[in-house]
C-alpha cells in the first residue's frame, strides 16, 4: 500500500511523505503506482520551474517534500496534487491511504 502522510504546521502544509508500493500489480505494470508517480513528479517539476519553494528527495520510489516558503502558486499546485491523490484513494482505497496530521 502507498502511504501518503501530510503534516501541517500552523494550519499550513509543511511536509508530505509518500512511501511504499501499492501492490495493485507487479512493479512496472502497476497503474496505481504509475498514477501517483505521474501526479507527484508533475507537481514537483512545476513548482521547481515556477518558484522553487520546496525541497524534495526521491529515494527508491519514495518521496519526501518539504516546504521552504509558501506562495500562492506553490500552495495551489500542492493542493491540486493532494486533490488528485485523494481521488485516486477513493477509486483504489485498498492500495493508497492518505493521512493528514495537524
C-alpha atoms as a PDB file:
ATOM      1  CA  UNK A   1       0.000   0.000   0.000  1.00  0.00           C
ATOM      2  CA  UNK A   2       1.145   3.527  -0.773  1.00  0.00           C
ATOM      3  CA  UNK A   3       1.036   5.724   2.306  1.00  0.00           C
ATOM      4  CA  UNK A   4       0.810   9.490   1.908  1.00  0.00           C
ATOM      5  CA  UNK A   5       1.445  11.436   5.102  1.00  0.00           C
ATOM      6  CA  UNK A   6       0.668  15.157   5.106  1.00  0.00           C
ATOM      7  CA  UNK A   7       1.931  17.227   8.032  1.00  0.00           C
ATOM      8  CA  UNK A   8       0.676  20.699   8.844  1.00  0.00           C
ATOM      9  CA  UNK A   9       2.235  23.379  10.998  1.00  0.00           C
ATOM     10  CA  UNK A  10       0.195  26.481  11.880  1.00  0.00           C
ATOM     11  CA  UNK A  11      -2.563  25.306   9.507  1.00  0.00           C
ATOM     12  CA  UNK A  12      -0.161  25.147   6.538  1.00  0.00           C
ATOM     13  CA  UNK A  13       1.326  22.064   4.959  1.00  0.00           C
ATOM     14  CA  UNK A  14       4.953  21.677   5.991  1.00  0.00           C
ATOM     15  CA  UNK A  15       5.827  18.160   4.793  1.00  0.00           C
ATOM     16  CA  UNK A  16       4.471  15.427   2.535  1.00  0.00           C
ATOM     17  CA  UNK A  17       5.894  11.913   2.597  1.00  0.00           C
ATOM     18  CA  UNK A  18       4.907   9.266   0.051  1.00  0.00           C
ATOM     19  CA  UNK A  19       6.080   5.735   0.820  1.00  0.00           C
ATOM     20  CA  UNK A  20       5.624   2.232  -0.464  1.00  0.00           C
ATOM     21  CA  UNK A  21       4.290   0.268  -3.403  1.00  0.00           C
ATOM     22  CA  UNK A  22       0.554  -0.100  -3.937  1.00  0.00           C
ATOM     23  CA  UNK A  23       0.569  -3.823  -4.615  1.00  0.00           C
ATOM     24  CA  UNK A  24      -2.128  -3.402  -7.267  1.00  0.00           C
ATOM     25  CA  UNK A  25       0.094  -5.182  -9.782  1.00  0.00           C
ATOM     26  CA  UNK A  26       3.745  -6.082 -10.194  1.00  0.00           C
ATOM     27  CA  UNK A  27       6.292  -3.278 -10.399  1.00  0.00           C
ATOM     28  CA  UNK A  28       6.329  -1.858 -13.901  1.00  0.00           C
ATOM     29  CA  UNK A  29       2.682  -2.744 -14.543  1.00  0.00           C
ATOM     30  CA  UNK A  30       1.066  -1.074 -11.541  1.00  0.00           C
ATOM     31  CA  UNK A  31      -1.374   1.653 -12.630  1.00  0.00           C
ATOM     32  CA  UNK A  32      -1.802   2.990  -9.090  1.00  0.00           C
ATOM     33  CA  UNK A  33       1.946   3.477  -8.605  1.00  0.00           C
ATOM     34  CA  UNK A  34       2.249   4.966 -12.093  1.00  0.00           C
ATOM     35  CA  UNK A  35      -0.565   7.405 -11.348  1.00  0.00           C
ATOM     36  CA  UNK A  36       0.979   8.503  -8.040  1.00  0.00           C
ATOM     37  CA  UNK A  37       4.386   8.903  -9.696  1.00  0.00           C
ATOM     38  CA  UNK A  38       2.938  10.999 -12.517  1.00  0.00           C
ATOM     39  CA  UNK A  39       0.932  13.235 -10.190  1.00  0.00           C
ATOM     40  CA  UNK A  40       3.821  13.828  -7.784  1.00  0.00           C
ATOM     41  CA  UNK A  41       6.545  14.247 -10.419  1.00  0.00           C
ATOM     42  CA  UNK A  42       4.468  16.716 -12.448  1.00  0.00           C
ATOM     43  CA  UNK A  43       3.716  18.749  -9.321  1.00  0.00           C
ATOM     44  CA  UNK A  44       7.336  18.850  -8.164  1.00  0.00           C
ATOM     45  CA  UNK A  45       8.619  19.772 -11.628  1.00  0.00           C
ATOM     46  CA  UNK A  46       6.064  22.584 -11.911  1.00  0.00           C
ATOM     47  CA  UNK A  47       6.948  24.047  -8.515  1.00  0.00           C
ATOM     48  CA  UNK A  48      10.673  23.886  -9.192  1.00  0.00           C
ATOM     49  CA  UNK A  49      10.241  25.649 -12.548  1.00  0.00           C
ATOM     50  CA  UNK A  50       7.938  28.362 -11.200  1.00  0.00           C
ATOM     51  CA  UNK A  51       9.259  29.368  -7.795  1.00  0.00           C
ATOM     52  CA  UNK A  52      11.366  26.567  -6.247  1.00  0.00           C
ATOM     53  CA  UNK A  53       9.711  26.858  -2.808  1.00  0.00           C
ATOM     54  CA  UNK A  54      10.202  23.215  -1.873  1.00  0.00           C
ATOM     55  CA  UNK A  55      12.946  20.746  -1.104  1.00  0.00           C
ATOM     56  CA  UNK A  56      12.344  17.214  -2.263  1.00  0.00           C
ATOM     57  CA  UNK A  57      14.045  13.849  -2.170  1.00  0.00           C
ATOM     58  CA  UNK A  58      13.387  10.718  -4.226  1.00  0.00           C
ATOM     59  CA  UNK A  59      14.699   7.504  -2.714  1.00  0.00           C
ATOM     60  CA  UNK A  60      13.818   4.104  -4.214  1.00  0.00           C
ATOM     61  CA  UNK A  61      10.375   5.295  -5.273  1.00  0.00           C
ATOM     62  CA  UNK A  62       9.687   7.088  -2.001  1.00  0.00           C
ATOM     63  CA  UNK A  63       9.286  10.871  -1.999  1.00  0.00           C
ATOM     64  CA  UNK A  64       9.678  13.484   0.711  1.00  0.00           C
ATOM     65  CA  UNK A  65       8.582  17.072   0.048  1.00  0.00           C
ATOM     66  CA  UNK A  66       9.391  19.895   2.473  1.00  0.00           C
ATOM     67  CA  UNK A  67       8.220  23.469   2.106  1.00  0.00           C
ATOM     68  CA  UNK A  68      10.870  26.187   2.111  1.00  0.00           C
ATOM     69  CA  UNK A  69       8.402  29.056   1.670  1.00  0.00           C
ATOM     70  CA  UNK A  70       4.698  29.227   0.972  1.00  0.00           C
ATOM     71  CA  UNK A  71       3.489  31.079  -2.088  1.00  0.00           C
ATOM     72  CA  UNK A  72       0.086  31.211  -3.713  1.00  0.00           C
ATOM     73  CA  UNK A  73       1.333  29.229  -6.713  1.00  0.00           C
ATOM     74  CA  UNK A  74       3.073  26.529  -4.676  1.00  0.00           C
ATOM     75  CA  UNK A  75       0.064  26.153  -2.394  1.00  0.00           C
ATOM     76  CA  UNK A  76      -2.298  25.798  -5.379  1.00  0.00           C
ATOM     77  CA  UNK A  77      -0.068  23.164  -7.003  1.00  0.00           C
ATOM     78  CA  UNK A  78       0.319  21.180  -3.766  1.00  0.00           C
ATOM     79  CA  UNK A  79      -3.435  21.402  -3.052  1.00  0.00           C
ATOM     80  CA  UNK A  80      -4.112  20.158  -6.587  1.00  0.00           C
ATOM     81  CA  UNK A  81      -1.691  17.258  -6.084  1.00  0.00           C
ATOM     82  CA  UNK A  82      -3.444  16.297  -2.842  1.00  0.00           C
ATOM     83  CA  UNK A  83      -6.869  16.533  -4.514  1.00  0.00           C
ATOM     84  CA  UNK A  84      -5.705  14.206  -7.297  1.00  0.00           C
ATOM     85  CA  UNK A  85      -4.234  11.737  -4.797  1.00  0.00           C
ATOM     86  CA  UNK A  86      -7.496  11.810  -2.816  1.00  0.00           C
ATOM     87  CA  UNK A  87      -9.458  10.993  -5.983  1.00  0.00           C
ATOM     88  CA  UNK A  88      -7.108   8.082  -6.584  1.00  0.00           C
ATOM     89  CA  UNK A  89      -7.602   6.950  -2.979  1.00  0.00           C
ATOM     90  CA  UNK A  90     -11.400   6.920  -3.496  1.00  0.00           C
ATOM     91  CA  UNK A  91     -11.050   4.634  -6.511  1.00  0.00           C
ATOM     92  CA  UNK A  92      -8.268   2.407  -5.146  1.00  0.00           C
ATOM     93  CA  UNK A  93      -8.662   2.589  -1.357  1.00  0.00           C
ATOM     94  CA  UNK A  94      -7.056  -0.834  -0.853  1.00  0.00           C
ATOM     95  CA  UNK A  95      -3.854   0.438  -2.460  1.00  0.00           C
ATOM     96  CA  UNK A  96      -3.356   4.046  -1.319  1.00  0.00           C
ATOM     97  CA  UNK A  97      -4.029   5.687   2.051  1.00  0.00           C
ATOM     98  CA  UNK A  98      -3.738   9.395   2.834  1.00  0.00           C
ATOM     99  CA  UNK A  99      -3.158  10.542   6.409  1.00  0.00           C
ATOM    100  CA  UNK A 100      -3.333  14.199   7.419  1.00  0.00           C
ATOM    101  CA  UNK A 101      -1.567  15.220  10.629  1.00  0.00           C
ATOM    102  CA  UNK A 102      -2.341  18.585  12.157  1.00  0.00           C
END
